[in-house]
Amino acid sequence: MSSQDFSPASYPFYAENGAHPPCVPVRARTRERYWLYGLLFAMTLLTTTVVGEAMQADFARNLPFDVENGFTLYLAFWRHPAGLLQGLPYSLTLLATLLAHEFGHYLAAMYHRVDASLPYFMPSPLLGTFGAFIRVRSPIYSKRVLFDIGIAGPLAGFVFLLPALAVGLAFSKVIPGIAHQGSLQFGVPLLQWLMESAIFPGAPTADIYLHPVARAAWVGMFATAMNLLPIGQLDGGHLVYSFFPRLHGTVSKVVCVLMLIPAAVLIGRYLGFGGLPTSGMWTGWSFWGLVLLWLGRRHPVIHDPTELTPGRRTLGWIALLVFILCLTLEPISAGGL
């Protein structure tokens, strides 16, 4: 994920009658806080490894993943640090995917001489991380540059999660009804369903118990789909702005409203409007839809009439395919609901 840390009013208009300036002033690079990058990465490595250890322990005992087990390990790992080695397959796979995504953005920004930070990682006790992001600290004057930085992350991350998912599924196993047990239930993206059909022909998806490496790839798919939502300054929002700058605001609003539908359906049922479907809906999408509708719909203005090249348009269609493959309508739900 990337965000632009500037407003349209904070830089001059460098194009007149569609002409681009011979040179664009480059802002002095910000002094990096490497200690903060390292600290956040170390914390995220710890949380993902603890979660991975809990996943591996449950997987070895043929028990459904129980998120509460991970919470207890936070209090006990320092007494048995060797146990953390079991969590490394999950944590290293997930962090490699996130690093690939964020360094895709970072390297594209460096290539175009755009000042950007190194990745900020966000630890979490649930699945180990809330993801990562970079900050773009200088203006972007070209739609092509915006497109290149926006698409580099999802494509780089997808290149890593694709083999991770294949390897993880090869180590997975079939246990009848395992997906409907445990404290959390996970949706099945299209890419996962296609690979499961090839590796476990005839086995229902609800019977396939994902190895922690495959679960790390699942988290990578969820992060990829989330970032490719065509909203605001998410990666998908950058891509939409590159193609259709005038429609960006409308598209962002429409997608945010669609994300509010699950919560509206549940509220309708609560108020007594029976017959409304709830299966396949996750109100977490509504939470993010509300947040993005309130805070994340806007995009900095880029005065650039230049059209995207045919190669970039092809990559845009590939990004749409990646989004479809990684999207699931109900990513996570509580067990027993």
Protein backbone atom coordinates (compact mmCIF):
# COMPACT_ATOMS: atom_id res chain seq x y z
CA MET A 1 0.00 0.00 0.00
CA SER A 2 1.22 3.50 -0.71
CA SER A 3 -0.03 6.91 0.31
CA GLN A 4 0.88 10.34 -1.00
CA ASP A 5 1.81 12.76 1.77
CA PHE A 6 0.92 16.03 0.05
CA SER A 7 -2.06 18.07 -1.02
CA PRO A 8 -2.80 19.49 -4.49
CA ALA A 9 -2.24 23.02 -3.19
CA SER A 10 1.25 22.24 -1.91
CA TYR A 11 2.98 22.26 -5.31
CA PRO A 12 2.85 24.55 -8.39
CA PHE A 13 1.18 23.83 -11.67
CA TYR A 14 4.07 22.93 -13.98
CA ALA A 15 2.18 22.35 -17.21
CA GLU A 16 0.88 25.04 -19.55
CA ASN A 17 -1.26 24.22 -22.56
CA GLY A 18 -0.45 20.54 -22.15
CA ALA A 19 3.33 21.06 -22.32
CA HIS A 20 5.55 19.43 -19.72
CA PRO A 21 8.42 21.35 -18.14
CA PRO A 22 11.96 20.46 -19.26
CA CYS A 23 12.82 19.51 -15.71
CA VAL A 24 10.95 18.98 -12.49
CA PRO A 25 12.50 20.18 -9.23
CA VAL A 26 13.47 17.32 -6.97
CA ARG A 27 12.88 17.86 -3.27
CA ALA A 28 15.72 17.09 -0.88
CA ARG A 29 15.35 13.57 0.45
CA THR A 30 13.95 13.22 3.93
CA ARG A 31 16.26 11.90 6.61
CA GLU A 32 15.23 8.30 7.13
CA ARG A 33 14.32 6.94 10.57
CA TYR A 34 15.84 3.51 10.09
CA TRP A 35 15.37 2.66 13.76
CA LEU A 36 11.60 2.99 13.34
CA TYR A 37 11.49 0.82 10.22
CA GLY A 38 13.59 -1.81 11.98
CA LEU A 39 11.55 -1.71 15.18
CA LEU A 40 8.22 -2.10 13.40
CA PHE A 41 9.59 -4.91 11.24
CA ALA A 42 10.99 -6.73 14.30
CA MET A 43 7.67 -6.40 16.14
CA THR A 44 5.80 -7.70 13.09
CA LEU A 45 8.24 -10.59 12.72
CA LEU A 46 7.55 -11.51 16.36
CA THR A 47 3.75 -11.30 16.10
CA THR A 48 3.60 -13.24 12.82
CA THR A 49 5.94 -15.91 14.20
CA VAL A 50 3.86 -16.35 17.34
CA VAL A 51 0.70 -16.67 15.26
CA GLY A 52 2.52 -19.06 12.94
CA GLU A 53 3.59 -21.21 15.90
CA ALA A 54 -0.03 -21.46 17.04
CA MET A 55 -1.13 -22.37 13.50
CA GLN A 56 1.54 -25.04 13.18
CA ALA A 57 0.67 -26.57 16.57
CA ASP A 58 -3.01 -26.82 15.62
CA PHE A 59 -2.15 -28.13 12.15
CA ALA A 60 0.08 -30.89 13.57
CA ARG A 61 -2.73 -32.03 15.91
CA ASN A 62 -5.42 -31.84 13.20
CA LEU A 63 -7.23 -29.19 15.23
CA PRO A 64 -8.80 -26.10 13.62
CA PHE A 65 -6.85 -22.91 14.06
CA ASP A 66 -7.93 -21.17 17.25
CA VAL A 67 -6.83 -17.54 17.49
CA GLU A 68 -6.94 -17.67 21.30
CA ASN A 69 -4.00 -20.10 21.27
CA GLY A 70 -1.86 -17.39 19.76
CA PHE A 71 -2.75 -14.98 22.57
CA THR A 72 -1.48 -17.41 25.23
CA LEU A 73 1.79 -17.89 23.36
CA TYR A 74 2.59 -14.17 23.68
CA LEU A 75 2.94 -14.75 27.42
CA ALA A 76 4.90 -17.98 27.13
CA PHE A 77 7.24 -17.62 24.15
CA TRP A 78 10.05 -16.02 26.16
CA ARG A 79 10.28 -19.13 28.37
CA HIS A 80 10.44 -21.48 25.35
CA PRO A 81 11.90 -19.37 22.53
CA ALA A 82 12.88 -22.45 20.50
CA GLY A 83 9.19 -23.07 19.88
CA LEU A 84 9.12 -19.97 17.70
CA LEU A 85 11.02 -21.88 15.01
CA GLN A 86 7.76 -23.65 14.17
CA GLY A 87 6.18 -20.31 13.33
CA LEU A 88 8.85 -19.21 10.84
CA PRO A 89 7.33 -20.88 7.75
CA TYR A 90 4.20 -18.75 8.21
CA SER A 91 5.93 -15.53 9.23
CA LEU A 92 8.72 -15.59 6.64
CA THR A 93 6.30 -16.45 3.82
CA LEU A 94 3.94 -13.65 4.79
CA LEU A 95 6.66 -11.05 5.35
CA ALA A 96 8.37 -11.97 2.08
CA THR A 97 5.09 -11.35 0.24
CA LEU A 98 4.51 -8.02 1.98
CA LEU A 99 8.12 -6.96 1.44
CA ALA A 100 7.85 -7.78 -2.26
CA HIS A 101 4.67 -5.70 -2.49
CA GLU A 102 6.08 -2.66 -0.71
CA PHE A 103 9.50 -2.79 -2.37
CA GLY A 104 7.71 -2.99 -5.70
CA HIS A 105 6.28 0.45 -4.88
CA TYR A 106 9.58 1.67 -3.44
CA LEU A 107 11.76 0.63 -6.37
CA ALA A 108 9.30 2.06 -8.89
CA ALA A 109 9.37 5.34 -6.96
CA MET A 110 13.18 5.34 -6.91
CA TYR A 111 13.26 4.63 -10.64
CA HIS A 112 11.11 7.71 -11.29
CA ARG A 113 13.02 9.82 -8.73
CA VAL A 114 10.01 10.13 -6.44
CA ASP A 115 10.85 10.52 -2.76
CA ALA A 116 9.32 7.59 -0.86
CA SER A 117 9.88 6.02 2.54
CA LEU A 118 10.88 2.45 3.25
CA PRO A 119 8.01 0.17 4.33
CA TYR A 120 6.29 0.71 7.65
CA PHE A 121 5.08 -2.64 8.99
CA MET A 122 2.06 -2.89 11.29
CA PRO A 123 2.05 -5.73 13.84
CA SER A 124 -1.23 -7.32 14.94
CA PRO A 125 -2.12 -10.08 17.43
CA LEU A 126 -4.84 -11.53 15.16
CA LEU A 127 -3.06 -12.81 12.02
CA GLY A 128 0.29 -11.29 12.96
CA THR A 129 0.08 -8.10 10.91
CA PHE A 130 -2.23 -5.43 9.57
CA GLY A 131 0.04 -5.16 6.51
CA ALA A 132 2.56 -2.51 5.54
CA PHE A 133 2.72 0.75 3.64
CA ILE A 134 5.14 3.31 2.24
CA ARG A 135 4.77 7.09 2.22
CA VAL A 136 5.25 9.01 -1.01
CA ARG A 137 6.72 12.29 0.18
CA SER A 138 7.09 14.26 -3.05
CA PRO A 139 4.56 15.24 -5.71
CA ILE A 140 3.83 12.99 -8.67
CA TYR A 141 3.36 14.99 -11.89
CA SER A 142 2.69 12.22 -14.41
CA LYS A 143 -0.12 9.68 -14.71
CA ARG A 144 2.38 7.21 -16.10
CA VAL A 145 4.58 7.54 -13.02
CA LEU A 146 1.52 7.22 -10.79
CA PHE A 147 0.49 4.08 -12.66
CA ASP A 148 3.96 2.53 -12.46
CA ILE A 149 4.24 3.09 -8.70
CA GLY A 150 0.67 1.93 -8.06
CA ILE A 151 0.85 -1.30 -10.04
CA ALA A 152 4.38 -2.37 -9.10
CA GLY A 153 3.37 -3.40 -5.57
CA PRO A 154 0.43 -5.74 -6.31
CA LEU A 155 2.21 -7.42 -9.19
CA ALA A 156 5.44 -7.96 -7.22
CA GLY A 157 3.52 -9.34 -4.24
CA PHE A 158 1.46 -11.62 -6.50
CA VAL A 159 4.63 -13.10 -8.00
CA PHE A 160 5.66 -14.15 -4.48
CA LEU A 161 2.31 -15.36 -3.16
CA LEU A 162 1.58 -17.52 -6.22
CA PRO A 163 4.35 -20.11 -5.57
CA ALA A 164 3.81 -19.79 -1.81
CA LEU A 165 0.18 -20.82 -2.23
CA ALA A 166 1.14 -23.75 -4.47
CA VAL A 167 3.78 -25.02 -2.01
CA GLY A 168 1.49 -24.47 0.97
CA LEU A 169 -1.36 -26.39 -0.64
CA ALA A 170 1.02 -29.26 -1.43
CA PHE A 171 1.63 -29.58 2.33
CA SER A 172 -2.06 -29.14 3.22
CA LYS A 173 -4.36 -32.06 4.04
CA VAL A 174 -7.97 -33.15 3.84
CA ILE A 175 -9.99 -33.27 7.07
CA PRO A 176 -13.80 -33.43 6.65
CA GLY A 177 -15.53 -30.23 7.75
CA ILE A 178 -12.38 -28.58 9.13
CA ALA A 179 -13.16 -25.20 7.56
CA HIS A 180 -16.38 -24.88 9.60
CA GLN A 181 -14.64 -25.46 12.92
CA GLY A 182 -12.51 -23.18 15.07
CA SER A 183 -12.87 -19.58 16.18
CA LEU A 184 -12.36 -18.13 12.69
CA GLN A 185 -13.60 -19.18 9.28
CA PHE A 186 -11.80 -18.03 6.14
CA GLY A 187 -13.25 -17.39 2.72
CA VAL A 188 -11.85 -19.01 -0.41
CA PRO A 189 -10.53 -16.66 -3.13
CA LEU A 190 -10.86 -17.79 -6.74
CA LEU A 191 -7.12 -18.43 -7.07
CA GLN A 192 -7.14 -20.71 -4.03
CA TRP A 193 -10.20 -22.59 -5.33
CA LEU A 194 -8.54 -23.17 -8.71
CA MET A 195 -5.35 -24.50 -7.13
CA GLU A 196 -7.23 -26.66 -4.64
CA SER A 197 -9.24 -28.18 -7.49
CA ALA A 198 -5.98 -29.16 -9.21
CA ILE A 199 -4.16 -30.46 -6.12
CA PHE A 200 -7.15 -32.05 -4.33
CA PRO A 201 -9.52 -33.05 -7.17
CA GLY A 202 -12.99 -33.85 -5.89
CA ALA A 203 -12.34 -32.63 -2.33
CA PRO A 204 -14.72 -29.92 -1.05
CA THR A 205 -12.97 -26.70 -0.08
CA ALA A 206 -14.46 -27.02 3.42
CA ASP A 207 -12.47 -30.24 3.90
CA ILE A 208 -9.05 -28.82 3.01
CA TYR A 209 -6.94 -27.80 6.00
CA LEU A 210 -4.44 -25.18 4.85
CA HIS A 211 -0.83 -25.52 5.93
CA PRO A 212 0.51 -22.32 7.61
CA VAL A 213 2.47 -21.48 4.44
CA ALA A 214 -0.77 -21.61 2.43
CA ARG A 215 -2.49 -19.52 5.12
CA ALA A 216 0.27 -16.91 4.79
CA ALA A 217 -0.42 -16.83 1.05
CA TRP A 218 -4.12 -16.38 1.89
CA VAL A 219 -3.30 -13.31 3.97
CA GLY A 220 -1.21 -12.05 1.05
CA MET A 221 -4.18 -12.52 -1.29
CA PHE A 222 -6.46 -10.63 1.07
CA ALA A 223 -3.95 -7.76 1.34
CA THR A 224 -3.60 -7.68 -2.46
CA ALA A 225 -7.37 -7.54 -3.01
CA MET A 226 -7.74 -4.88 -0.34
CA ASN A 227 -5.04 -2.70 -1.92
CA LEU A 228 -6.52 -3.10 -5.40
CA LEU A 229 -9.92 -1.74 -4.39
CA PRO A 230 -10.56 1.20 -6.76
CA ILE A 231 -10.85 3.73 -3.96
CA GLY A 232 -8.95 6.88 -3.04
CA GLN A 233 -5.20 6.45 -2.70
CA LEU A 234 -5.22 2.68 -2.48
CA ASP A 235 -3.23 1.03 -5.27
CA GLY A 236 -6.44 0.38 -7.18
CA GLY A 237 -7.41 4.02 -6.73
CA HIS A 238 -4.11 5.11 -8.28
CA LEU A 239 -4.73 2.83 -11.25
CA VAL A 240 -8.27 4.12 -11.79
CA TYR A 241 -7.03 7.71 -11.60
CA SER A 242 -4.33 6.91 -14.17
CA PHE A 243 -6.97 5.63 -16.61
CA PHE A 244 -9.99 7.80 -15.78
CA PRO A 245 -9.05 10.81 -13.60
CA ARG A 246 -12.48 12.45 -13.95
CA LEU A 247 -14.32 9.26 -12.91
CA HIS A 248 -12.08 8.48 -9.94
CA GLY A 249 -14.24 10.26 -7.36
CA THR A 250 -17.46 8.67 -8.62
CA VAL A 251 -15.96 5.18 -8.72
CA SER A 252 -14.59 5.59 -5.19
CA LYS A 253 -18.00 6.63 -3.84
CA VAL A 254 -19.87 3.82 -5.61
CA VAL A 255 -17.48 1.12 -4.38
CA CYS A 256 -17.60 2.47 -0.82
CA VAL A 257 -21.41 2.40 -0.88
CA LEU A 258 -21.38 -1.18 -2.19
CA MET A 259 -19.12 -2.15 0.69
CA LEU A 260 -21.76 -0.83 3.11
CA ILE A 261 -24.42 -3.27 1.84
CA PRO A 262 -23.59 -6.13 4.27
CA ALA A 263 -24.06 -3.89 7.30
CA ALA A 264 -27.26 -2.46 5.83
CA VAL A 265 -28.63 -5.99 5.31
CA LEU A 266 -27.83 -7.00 8.89
CA ILE A 267 -29.40 -3.80 10.24
CA GLY A 268 -32.48 -4.50 8.13
CA ARG A 269 -32.81 -7.98 9.59
CA TYR A 270 -32.37 -6.58 13.09
CA LEU A 271 -35.21 -4.11 12.44
CA GLY A 272 -37.47 -6.93 11.34
CA PHE A 273 -37.21 -6.85 7.56
CA GLY A 274 -37.18 -10.62 7.04
CA GLY A 275 -36.11 -12.39 3.89
CA LEU A 276 -32.92 -10.37 3.46
CA PRO A 277 -29.96 -12.63 2.63
CA THR A 278 -26.92 -12.61 4.91
CA SER A 279 -25.00 -15.64 3.68
CA GLY A 280 -21.68 -14.78 2.05
CA MET A 281 -21.52 -11.28 3.54
CA TRP A 282 -18.88 -10.02 5.93
CA THR A 283 -19.54 -6.78 7.77
CA GLY A 284 -15.81 -6.10 7.90
CA TRP A 285 -16.10 -4.85 4.34
CA SER A 286 -18.68 -2.38 5.62
CA PHE A 287 -16.26 -1.13 8.28
CA TRP A 288 -13.59 -0.43 5.69
CA GLY A 289 -16.16 1.00 3.30
CA LEU A 290 -17.25 3.49 5.99
CA VAL A 291 -13.66 4.45 6.82
CA LEU A 292 -12.72 4.93 3.18
CA LEU A 293 -15.94 6.80 2.40
CA TRP A 294 -15.12 9.23 5.20
CA LEU A 295 -11.35 9.58 4.87
CA GLY A 296 -10.00 7.93 1.77
CA ARG A 297 -11.98 8.96 -1.32
CA ARG A 298 -9.86 11.91 -2.44
CA HIS A 299 -6.83 11.77 -4.70
CA PRO A 300 -4.22 14.50 -5.35
CA VAL A 301 -4.79 16.23 -8.68
CA ILE A 302 -2.31 15.45 -11.46
CA HIS A 303 -2.38 17.88 -14.41
CA ASP A 304 -1.18 15.55 -17.15
CA PRO A 305 -3.08 15.02 -20.44
CA THR A 306 -0.70 12.25 -21.59
CA GLU A 307 -2.42 8.92 -22.18
CA LEU A 308 -1.07 5.65 -20.84
CA THR A 309 0.98 3.54 -23.21
CA PRO A 310 -0.49 0.29 -24.64
CA GLY A 311 1.86 -1.73 -22.45
CA ARG A 312 0.59 -0.01 -19.32
CA ARG A 313 -3.01 -0.57 -20.40
CA THR A 314 -2.27 -4.27 -20.72
CA LEU A 315 -0.78 -4.28 -17.23
CA GLY A 316 -3.95 -2.59 -16.02
CA TRP A 317 -6.03 -5.52 -17.28
CA ILE A 318 -3.59 -7.90 -15.58
CA ALA A 319 -4.07 -6.00 -12.31
CA LEU A 320 -7.85 -6.40 -12.68
CA LEU A 321 -7.37 -10.16 -13.16
CA VAL A 322 -5.16 -10.31 -10.04
CA PHE A 323 -7.88 -8.47 -8.10
CA ILE A 324 -10.54 -10.95 -9.22
CA LEU A 325 -8.33 -13.94 -8.39
CA CYS A 326 -7.54 -12.65 -4.88
CA LEU A 327 -10.98 -11.29 -3.91
CA THR A 328 -13.37 -13.11 -1.59
CA LEU A 329 -16.74 -11.67 -0.55
CA GLU A 330 -16.47 -13.07 2.97
CA PRO A 331 -12.79 -13.09 3.96
CA ILE A 332 -13.15 -13.80 7.68
CA SER A 333 -16.12 -14.68 9.85
CA ALA A 334 -16.51 -15.85 13.43
CA GLY A 335 -16.91 -19.60 13.87
CA GLY A 336 -20.39 -20.82 14.56
CA LEU A 337 -22.14 -17.91 12.78
